[in-house]
Amino acid sequence: MATRQSVDEYLQRCTDALDYARDQYKTGMKQEHYNETEYTKALQQLEDAVNDINHLSLSANDQQQDQLYRMRLQLQQVQNEMILKGDTER
């Protein structure tokens, strides 16, 4: 079973990844040509976080699974927005 501390720490890392991705998304929206390396790095962090959440959910209790599920939805929403924005730039 996942400990409360490990879930809390992981949720904080996900929040950090979300903040970084949102910053890169905003930067990309402001600039005609955005920093593709940083943008791609942010997308990779989001993908890694989603995959890790899926793995962590297997050992989580019901309340933790709910927290992880809600975080996964946030991660995937930002990920989808960034992918769609990236496709319109090409």
PDB file of N, CA and C in Angstrom:
ATOM      1  N   MET A   1       0.842  -1.178   0.000  1.00  0.00           N
ATOM      2  CA  MET A   1       0.000   0.000   0.000  1.00  0.00           C
ATOM      3  C   MET A   1       0.892   1.248   0.000  1.00  0.00           C
ATOM      4  N   ALA A   2       0.472   2.230  -0.730  1.00  0.00           N
ATOM      5  CA  ALA A   2       1.202   3.490  -0.802  1.00  0.00           C
ATOM      6  C   ALA A   2       1.008   4.250   0.508  1.00  0.00           C
ATOM      7  N   THR A   3       2.073   4.830   1.000  1.00  0.00           N
ATOM      8  CA  THR A   3       1.951   5.621   2.220  1.00  0.00           C
ATOM      9  C   THR A   3       1.394   6.992   1.890  1.00  0.00           C
ATOM     10  N   ARG A   4       0.793   7.588   2.884  1.00  0.00           N
ATOM     11  CA  ARG A   4       0.228   8.919   2.690  1.00  0.00           C
ATOM     12  C   ARG A   4       1.315   9.895   2.275  1.00  0.00           C
ATOM     13  N   GLN A   5       2.476   9.782   2.910  1.00  0.00           N
ATOM     14  CA  GLN A   5       3.585  10.682   2.602  1.00  0.00           C
ATOM     15  C   GLN A   5       4.049  10.515   1.155  1.00  0.00           C
ATOM     16  N   SER A   6       4.151   9.267   0.697  1.00  0.00           N
ATOM     17  CA  SER A   6       4.618   9.057  -0.678  1.00  0.00           C
ATOM     18  C   SER A   6       3.624   9.618  -1.690  1.00  0.00           C
ATOM     19  N   VAL A   7       2.330   9.474  -1.410  1.00  0.00           N
ATOM     20  CA  VAL A   7       1.319  10.032  -2.312  1.00  0.00           C
ATOM     21  C   VAL A   7       1.376  11.553  -2.285  1.00  0.00           C
ATOM     22  N   ASP A   8       1.484  12.131  -1.090  1.00  0.00           N
ATOM     23  CA  ASP A   8       1.560  13.595  -0.982  1.00  0.00           C
ATOM     24  C   ASP A   8       2.788  14.140  -1.707  1.00  0.00           C
ATOM     25  N   GLU A   9       3.918  13.474  -1.539  1.00  0.00           N
ATOM     26  CA  GLU A   9       5.140  13.908  -2.222  1.00  0.00           C
ATOM     27  C   GLU A   9       4.980  13.798  -3.735  1.00  0.00           C
ATOM     28  N   TYR A  10       4.360  12.731  -4.176  1.00  0.00           N
ATOM     29  CA  TYR A  10       4.181  12.560  -5.609  1.00  0.00           C
ATOM     30  C   TYR A  10       3.220  13.595  -6.175  1.00  0.00           C
ATOM     31  N   LEU A  11       2.147  13.879  -5.439  1.00  0.00           N
ATOM     32  CA  LEU A  11       1.203  14.900  -5.896  1.00  0.00           C
ATOM     33  C   LEU A  11       1.887  16.263  -5.998  1.00  0.00           C
ATOM     34  N   GLN A  12       2.820  16.538  -5.094  1.00  0.00           N
ATOM     35  CA  GLN A  12       3.572  17.795  -5.174  1.00  0.00           C
ATOM     36  C   GLN A  12       4.447  17.818  -6.426  1.00  0.00           C
ATOM     37  N   ARG A  13       5.093  16.698  -6.746  1.00  0.00           N
ATOM     38  CA  ARG A  13       5.909  16.640  -7.969  1.00  0.00           C
ATOM     39  C   ARG A  13       5.035  16.840  -9.200  1.00  0.00           C
ATOM     40  N   CYS A  14       3.821  16.294  -9.164  1.00  0.00           N
ATOM     41  CA  CYS A  14       2.896  16.489 -10.291  1.00  0.00           C
ATOM     42  C   CYS A  14       2.503  17.955 -10.408  1.00  0.00           C
ATOM     43  N   THR A  15       2.258  18.595  -9.279  1.00  0.00           N
ATOM     44  CA  THR A  15       1.917  20.014  -9.292  1.00  0.00           C
ATOM     45  C   THR A  15       3.066  20.833  -9.873  1.00  0.00           C
ATOM     46  N   ASP A  16       4.292  20.481  -9.508  1.00  0.00           N
ATOM     47  CA  ASP A  16       5.461  21.160 -10.065  1.00  0.00           C
ATOM     48  C   ASP A  16       5.536  20.962 -11.585  1.00  0.00           C
ATOM     49  N   ALA A  17       5.268  19.749 -12.045  1.00  0.00           N
ATOM     50  CA  ALA A  17       5.277  19.469 -13.487  1.00  0.00           C
ATOM     51  C   ALA A  17       4.183  20.262 -14.194  1.00  0.00           C
ATOM     52  N   LEU A  18       3.011  20.356 -13.555  1.00  0.00           N
ATOM     53  CA  LEU A  18       1.923  21.148 -14.128  1.00  0.00           C
ATOM     54  C   LEU A  18       2.304  22.614 -14.239  1.00  0.00           C
ATOM     55  N   ASP A  19       2.897  23.152 -13.186  1.00  0.00           N
ATOM     56  CA  ASP A  19       3.303  24.561 -13.201  1.00  0.00           C
ATOM     57  C   ASP A  19       4.315  24.826 -14.315  1.00  0.00           C
ATOM     58  N   TYR A  20       5.289  23.949 -14.443  1.00  0.00           N
ATOM     59  CA  TYR A  20       6.304  24.095 -15.484  1.00  0.00           C
ATOM     60  C   TYR A  20       5.660  24.024 -16.871  1.00  0.00           C
ATOM     61  N   ALA A  21       4.770  23.066 -17.057  1.00  0.00           N
ATOM     62  CA  ALA A  21       4.113  22.906 -18.356  1.00  0.00           C
ATOM     63  C   ALA A  21       3.247  24.120 -18.678  1.00  0.00           C
ATOM     64  N   ARG A  22       2.542  24.620 -17.698  1.00  0.00           N
ATOM     65  CA  ARG A  22       1.700  25.804 -17.933  1.00  0.00           C
ATOM     66  C   ARG A  22       2.547  27.018 -18.293  1.00  0.00           C
ATOM     67  N   ASP A  23       3.700  27.160 -17.635  1.00  0.00           N
ATOM     68  CA  ASP A  23       4.608  28.260 -17.980  1.00  0.00           C
ATOM     69  C   ASP A  23       5.083  28.140 -19.423  1.00  0.00           C
ATOM     70  N   GLN A  24       5.448  26.932 -19.831  1.00  0.00           N
ATOM     71  CA  GLN A  24       5.905  26.720 -21.201  1.00  0.00           C
ATOM     72  C   GLN A  24       4.769  26.965 -22.198  1.00  0.00           C
ATOM     73  N   TYR A  25       3.568  26.573 -21.829  1.00  0.00           N
ATOM     74  CA  TYR A  25       2.403  26.788 -22.690  1.00  0.00           C
ATOM     75  C   TYR A  25       2.151  28.285 -22.872  1.00  0.00           C
ATOM     76  N   LYS A  26       2.184  29.038 -21.761  1.00  0.00           N
ATOM     77  CA  LYS A  26       1.981  30.491 -21.833  1.00  0.00           C
ATOM     78  C   LYS A  26       3.065  31.152 -22.676  1.00  0.00           C
ATOM     79  N   THR A  27       4.306  30.720 -22.481  1.00  0.00           N
ATOM     80  CA  THR A  27       5.411  31.262 -23.273  1.00  0.00           C
ATOM     81  C   THR A  27       5.190  30.965 -24.749  1.00  0.00           C
ATOM     82  N   GLY A  28       4.765  29.768 -25.049  1.00  0.00           N
ATOM     83  CA  GLY A  28       4.503  29.390 -26.431  1.00  0.00           C
ATOM     84  C   GLY A  28       3.367  30.175 -27.053  1.00  0.00           C
ATOM     85  N   MET A  29       2.377  30.521 -26.251  1.00  0.00           N
ATOM     86  CA  MET A  29       1.247  31.304 -26.766  1.00  0.00           C
ATOM     87  C   MET A  29       1.662  32.748 -27.059  1.00  0.00           C
ATOM     88  N   LYS A  30       2.624  33.260 -26.311  1.00  0.00           N
ATOM     89  CA  LYS A  30       3.062  34.642 -26.484  1.00  0.00           C
ATOM     90  C   LYS A  30       4.015  34.812 -27.666  1.00  0.00           C
ATOM     91  N   GLN A  31       4.738  33.749 -27.972  1.00  0.00           N
ATOM     92  CA  GLN A  31       5.767  33.836 -28.997  1.00  0.00           C
ATOM     93  C   GLN A  31       5.332  33.103 -30.253  1.00  0.00           C
ATOM     94  N   GLU A  32       5.689  33.677 -31.373  1.00  0.00           N
ATOM     95  CA  GLU A  32       5.404  32.997 -32.629  1.00  0.00           C
ATOM     96  C   GLU A  32       6.240  31.725 -32.720  1.00  0.00           C
ATOM     97  N   HIS A  33       7.479  31.816 -32.319  1.00  0.00           N
ATOM     98  CA  HIS A  33       8.369  30.650 -32.291  1.00  0.00           C
ATOM     99  C   HIS A  33       8.767  30.426 -30.845  1.00  0.00           C
ATOM    100  N   TYR A  34       8.289  29.346 -30.279  1.00  0.00           N
ATOM    101  CA  TYR A  34       8.599  29.059 -28.887  1.00  0.00           C
ATOM    102  C   TYR A  34       9.804  28.129 -28.790  1.00  0.00           C
ATOM    103  N   ASN A  35      10.320  27.994 -27.582  1.00  0.00           N
ATOM    104  CA  ASN A  35      11.470  27.133 -27.332  1.00  0.00           C
ATOM    105  C   ASN A  35      11.006  25.679 -27.373  1.00  0.00           C
ATOM    106  N   GLU A  36      11.203  25.036 -28.487  1.00  0.00           N
ATOM    107  CA  GLU A  36      10.683  23.690 -28.699  1.00  0.00           C
ATOM    108  C   GLU A  36      11.283  22.676 -27.730  1.00  0.00           C
ATOM    109  N   THR A  37      12.535  22.860 -27.357  1.00  0.00           N
ATOM    110  CA  THR A  37      13.179  21.925 -26.435  1.00  0.00           C
ATOM    111  C   THR A  37      12.494  21.948 -25.072  1.00  0.00           C
ATOM    112  N   GLU A  38      12.274  23.134 -24.534  1.00  0.00           N
ATOM    113  CA  GLU A  38      11.618  23.258 -23.231  1.00  0.00           C
ATOM    114  C   GLU A  38      10.163  22.798 -23.299  1.00  0.00           C
ATOM    115  N   TYR A  39       9.510  23.099 -24.390  1.00  0.00           N
ATOM    116  CA  TYR A  39       8.115  22.698 -24.589  1.00  0.00           C
ATOM    117  C   TYR A  39       8.017  21.176 -24.606  1.00  0.00           C
ATOM    118  N   THR A  40       8.917  20.545 -25.334  1.00  0.00           N
ATOM    119  CA  THR A  40       8.938  19.090 -25.414  1.00  0.00           C
ATOM    120  C   THR A  40       9.275  18.480 -24.061  1.00  0.00           C
ATOM    121  N   LYS A  41      10.186  19.102 -23.349  1.00  0.00           N
ATOM    122  CA  LYS A  41      10.551  18.629 -22.004  1.00  0.00           C
ATOM    123  C   LYS A  41       9.337  18.682 -21.075  1.00  0.00           C
ATOM    124  N   ALA A  42       8.574  19.748 -21.153  1.00  0.00           N
ATOM    125  CA  ALA A  42       7.371  19.883 -20.328  1.00  0.00           C
ATOM    126  C   ALA A  42       6.354  18.800 -20.670  1.00  0.00           C
ATOM    127  N   LEU A  43       6.170  18.542 -21.959  1.00  0.00           N
ATOM    128  CA  LEU A  43       5.255  17.475 -22.374  1.00  0.00           C
ATOM    129  C   LEU A  43       5.723  16.113 -21.872  1.00  0.00           C
ATOM    130  N   GLN A  44       7.017  15.873 -21.906  1.00  0.00           N
ATOM    131  CA  GLN A  44       7.550  14.600 -21.424  1.00  0.00           C
ATOM    132  C   GLN A  44       7.347  14.450 -19.929  1.00  0.00           C
ATOM    133  N   GLN A  45       7.528  15.537 -19.190  1.00  0.00           N
ATOM    134  CA  GLN A  45       7.292  15.484 -17.749  1.00  0.00           C
ATOM    135  C   GLN A  45       5.834  15.151 -17.440  1.00  0.00           C
ATOM    136  N   LEU A  46       4.929  15.723 -18.214  1.00  0.00           N
ATOM    137  CA  LEU A  46       3.513  15.417 -18.016  1.00  0.00           C
ATOM    138  C   LEU A  46       3.227  13.947 -18.307  1.00  0.00           C
ATOM    139  N   GLU A  47       3.783  13.445 -19.388  1.00  0.00           N
ATOM    140  CA  GLU A  47       3.581  12.040 -19.753  1.00  0.00           C
ATOM    141  C   GLU A  47       4.154  11.111 -18.687  1.00  0.00           C
ATOM    142  N   ASP A  48       5.337  11.429 -18.202  1.00  0.00           N
ATOM    143  CA  ASP A  48       5.949  10.625 -17.137  1.00  0.00           C
ATOM    144  C   ASP A  48       5.091  10.642 -15.877  1.00  0.00           C
ATOM    145  N   ALA A  49       4.559  11.811 -15.549  1.00  0.00           N
ATOM    146  CA  ALA A  49       3.724  11.935 -14.354  1.00  0.00           C
ATOM    147  C   ALA A  49       2.451  11.103 -14.484  1.00  0.00           C
ATOM    148  N   VAL A  50       1.827  11.122 -15.654  1.00  0.00           N
ATOM    149  CA  VAL A  50       0.623  10.315 -15.878  1.00  0.00           C
ATOM    150  C   VAL A  50       0.950   8.828 -15.730  1.00  0.00           C
ATOM    151  N   ASN A  51       2.044   8.402 -16.315  1.00  0.00           N
ATOM    152  CA  ASN A  51       2.438   6.993 -16.215  1.00  0.00           C
ATOM    153  C   ASN A  51       2.738   6.598 -14.772  1.00  0.00           C
ATOM    154  N   ASP A  52       3.411   7.474 -14.038  1.00  0.00           N
ATOM    155  CA  ASP A  52       3.720   7.186 -12.641  1.00  0.00           C
ATOM    156  C   ASP A  52       2.458   7.132 -11.786  1.00  0.00           C
ATOM    157  N   ILE A  53       1.514   8.013 -12.072  1.00  0.00           N
ATOM    158  CA  ILE A  53       0.239   7.986 -11.344  1.00  0.00           C
ATOM    159  C   ILE A  53      -0.465   6.655 -11.570  1.00  0.00           C
ATOM    160  N   ASN A  54      -0.479   6.203 -12.801  1.00  0.00           N
ATOM    161  CA  ASN A  54      -1.128   4.923 -13.095  1.00  0.00           C
ATOM    162  C   ASN A  54      -0.489   3.805 -12.279  1.00  0.00           C
ATOM    163  N   HIS A  55       0.816   3.828 -12.164  1.00  0.00           N
ATOM    164  CA  HIS A  55       1.533   2.805 -11.408  1.00  0.00           C
ATOM    165  C   HIS A  55       1.262   2.934  -9.908  1.00  0.00           C
ATOM    166  N   LEU A  56       1.326   4.150  -9.385  1.00  0.00           N
ATOM    167  CA  LEU A  56       1.105   4.389  -7.966  1.00  0.00           C
ATOM    168  C   LEU A  56      -0.327   4.048  -7.555  1.00  0.00           C
ATOM    169  N   SER A  57      -1.275   4.255  -8.448  1.00  0.00           N
ATOM    170  CA  SER A  57      -2.682   3.969  -8.141  1.00  0.00           C
ATOM    171  C   SER A  57      -2.911   2.500  -7.802  1.00  0.00           C
ATOM    172  N   LEU A  58      -2.068   1.636  -8.327  1.00  0.00           N
ATOM    173  CA  LEU A  58      -2.238   0.205  -8.074  1.00  0.00           C
ATOM    174  C   LEU A  58      -2.068  -0.148  -6.605  1.00  0.00           C
ATOM    175  N   SER A  59      -1.284   0.635  -5.870  1.00  0.00           N
ATOM    176  CA  SER A  59      -1.040   0.337  -4.463  1.00  0.00           C
ATOM    177  C   SER A  59      -1.688   1.358  -3.528  1.00  0.00           C
ATOM    178  N   ALA A  60      -2.585   2.172  -4.046  1.00  0.00           N
ATOM    179  CA  ALA A  60      -3.209   3.224  -3.251  1.00  0.00           C
ATOM    180  C   ALA A  60      -4.565   2.774  -2.707  1.00  0.00           C
ATOM    181  N   ASN A  61      -4.953   3.373  -1.592  1.00  0.00           N
ATOM    182  CA  ASN A  61      -6.291   3.099  -1.065  1.00  0.00           C
ATOM    183  C   ASN A  61      -7.308   3.939  -1.841  1.00  0.00           C
ATOM    184  N   ASP A  62      -8.586   3.801  -1.499  1.00  0.00           N
ATOM    185  CA  ASP A  62      -9.640   4.471  -2.265  1.00  0.00           C
ATOM    186  C   ASP A  62      -9.483   5.992  -2.286  1.00  0.00           C
ATOM    187  N   GLN A  63      -9.189   6.580  -1.129  1.00  0.00           N
ATOM    188  CA  GLN A  63      -9.035   8.037  -1.069  1.00  0.00           C
ATOM    189  C   GLN A  63      -7.836   8.490  -1.898  1.00  0.00           C
ATOM    190  N   GLN A  64      -6.740   7.771  -1.802  1.00  0.00           N
ATOM    191  CA  GLN A  64      -5.548   8.110  -2.570  1.00  0.00           C
ATOM    192  C   GLN A  64      -5.800   7.943  -4.063  1.00  0.00           C
ATOM    193  N   GLN A  65      -6.517   6.900  -4.427  1.00  0.00           N
ATOM    194  CA  GLN A  65      -6.844   6.688  -5.837  1.00  0.00           C
ATOM    195  C   GLN A  65      -7.648   7.851  -6.385  1.00  0.00           C
ATOM    196  N   ASP A  66      -8.571   8.371  -5.569  1.00  0.00           N
ATOM    197  CA  ASP A  66      -9.364   9.523  -5.993  1.00  0.00           C
ATOM    198  C   ASP A  66      -8.480  10.746  -6.200  1.00  0.00           C
ATOM    199  N   GLN A  67      -7.564  10.993  -5.260  1.00  0.00           N
ATOM    200  CA  GLN A  67      -6.636  12.125  -5.392  1.00  0.00           C
ATOM    201  C   GLN A  67      -5.774  11.970  -6.651  1.00  0.00           C
ATOM    202  N   LEU A  68      -5.279  10.788  -6.862  1.00  0.00           N
ATOM    203  CA  LEU A  68      -4.421  10.526  -8.021  1.00  0.00           C
ATOM    204  C   LEU A  68      -5.211  10.651  -9.323  1.00  0.00           C
ATOM    205  N   TYR A  69      -6.445  10.199  -9.306  1.00  0.00           N
ATOM    206  CA  TYR A  69      -7.293  10.301 -10.497  1.00  0.00           C
ATOM    207  C   TYR A  69      -7.523  11.769 -10.874  1.00  0.00           C
ATOM    208  N   ARG A  70      -7.835  12.586  -9.860  1.00  0.00           N
ATOM    209  CA  ARG A  70      -8.067  14.006 -10.144  1.00  0.00           C
ATOM    210  C   ARG A  70      -6.799  14.686 -10.661  1.00  0.00           C
ATOM    211  N   MET A  71      -5.660  14.308 -10.120  1.00  0.00           N
ATOM    212  CA  MET A  71      -4.397  14.868 -10.605  1.00  0.00           C
ATOM    213  C   MET A  71      -4.133  14.414 -12.030  1.00  0.00           C
ATOM    214  N   ARG A  72      -4.415  13.147 -12.329  1.00  0.00           N
ATOM    215  CA  ARG A  72      -4.208  12.643 -13.686  1.00  0.00           C
ATOM    216  C   ARG A  72      -5.060  13.415 -14.691  1.00  0.00           C
ATOM    217  N   LEU A  73      -6.297  13.737 -14.315  1.00  0.00           N
ATOM    218  CA  LEU A  73      -7.154  14.524 -15.203  1.00  0.00           C
ATOM    219  C   LEU A  73      -6.553  15.899 -15.485  1.00  0.00           C
ATOM    220  N   GLN A  74      -6.006  16.543 -14.457  1.00  0.00           N
ATOM    221  CA  GLN A  74      -5.370  17.847 -14.652  1.00  0.00           C
ATOM    222  C   GLN A  74      -4.158  17.740 -15.578  1.00  0.00           C
ATOM    223  N   LEU A  75      -3.340  16.729 -15.321  1.00  0.00           N
ATOM    224  CA  LEU A  75      -2.152  16.523 -16.155  1.00  0.00           C
ATOM    225  C   LEU A  75      -2.538  16.300 -17.613  1.00  0.00           C
ATOM    226  N   GLN A  76      -3.530  15.449 -17.824  1.00  0.00           N
ATOM    227  CA  GLN A  76      -3.931  15.128 -19.192  1.00  0.00           C
ATOM    228  C   GLN A  76      -4.583  16.319 -19.884  1.00  0.00           C
ATOM    229  N   GLN A  77      -5.288  17.150 -19.132  1.00  0.00           N
ATOM    230  CA  GLN A  77      -5.901  18.332 -19.734  1.00  0.00           C
ATOM    231  C   GLN A  77      -4.827  19.281 -20.261  1.00  0.00           C
ATOM    232  N   VAL A  78      -3.824  19.566 -19.444  1.00  0.00           N
ATOM    233  CA  VAL A  78      -2.745  20.460 -19.870  1.00  0.00           C
ATOM    234  C   VAL A  78      -1.968  19.817 -21.021  1.00  0.00           C
ATOM    235  N   GLN A  79      -1.723  18.527 -20.905  1.00  0.00           N
ATOM    236  CA  GLN A  79      -1.015  17.792 -21.961  1.00  0.00           C
ATOM    237  C   GLN A  79      -1.761  17.921 -23.288  1.00  0.00           C
ATOM    238  N   ASN A  80      -3.065  17.717 -23.269  1.00  0.00           N
ATOM    239  CA  ASN A  80      -3.860  17.822 -24.496  1.00  0.00           C
ATOM    240  C   ASN A  80      -3.842  19.226 -25.071  1.00  0.00           C
ATOM    241  N   GLU A  81      -3.934  20.235 -24.202  1.00  0.00           N
ATOM    242  CA  GLU A  81      -3.884  21.625 -24.672  1.00  0.00           C
ATOM    243  C   GLU A  81      -2.549  21.921 -25.345  1.00  0.00           C
ATOM    244  N   MET A  82      -1.483  21.433 -24.744  1.00  0.00           N
ATOM    245  CA  MET A  82      -0.154  21.682 -25.303  1.00  0.00           C
ATOM    246  C   MET A  82       0.036  20.949 -26.630  1.00  0.00           C
ATOM    247  N   ILE A  83      -0.471  19.753 -26.724  1.00  0.00           N
ATOM    248  CA  ILE A  83      -0.355  18.992 -27.974  1.00  0.00           C
ATOM    249  C   ILE A  83      -1.134  19.676 -29.085  1.00  0.00           C
ATOM    250  N   LEU A  84      -2.353  20.110 -28.773  1.00  0.00           N
ATOM    251  CA  LEU A  84      -3.174  20.792 -29.777  1.00  0.00           C
ATOM    252  C   LEU A  84      -2.528  22.106 -30.213  1.00  0.00           C
ATOM    253  N   LYS A  85      -1.949  22.854 -29.271  1.00  0.00           N
ATOM    254  CA  LYS A  85      -1.284  24.101 -29.612  1.00  0.00           C
ATOM    255  C   LYS A  85      -0.065  23.826 -30.490  1.00  0.00           C
ATOM    256  N   GLY A  86       0.685  22.781 -30.145  1.00  0.00           N
ATOM    257  CA  GLY A  86       1.860  22.412 -30.920  1.00  0.00           C
ATOM    258  C   GLY A  86       1.501  22.014 -32.336  1.00  0.00           C
ATOM    259  N   ASP A  87       0.366  21.330 -32.495  1.00  0.00           N
ATOM    260  CA  ASP A  87      -0.066  20.919 -33.840  1.00  0.00           C
ATOM    261  C   ASP A  87      -0.479  22.115 -34.683  1.00  0.00           C
ATOM    262  N   THR A  88      -1.045  23.138 -34.064  1.00  0.00           N
ATOM    263  CA  THR A  88      -1.461  24.314 -34.834  1.00  0.00           C
ATOM    264  C   THR A  88      -0.279  25.181 -35.230  1.00  0.00           C
ATOM    265  N   GLU A  89       0.843  25.021 -34.523  1.00  0.00           N
ATOM    266  CA  GLU A  89       2.042  25.808 -34.822  1.00  0.00           C
ATOM    267  C   GLU A  89       2.787  25.266 -36.037  1.00  0.00           C
ATOM    268  N   ARG A  90       2.555  24.018 -36.372  1.00  0.00           N
ATOM    269  CA  ARG A  90       3.308  23.386 -37.470  1.00  0.00           C
ATOM    270  C   ARG A  90       2.632  23.595 -38.783  1.00  0.00           C
TER     271      ARG A  90
END
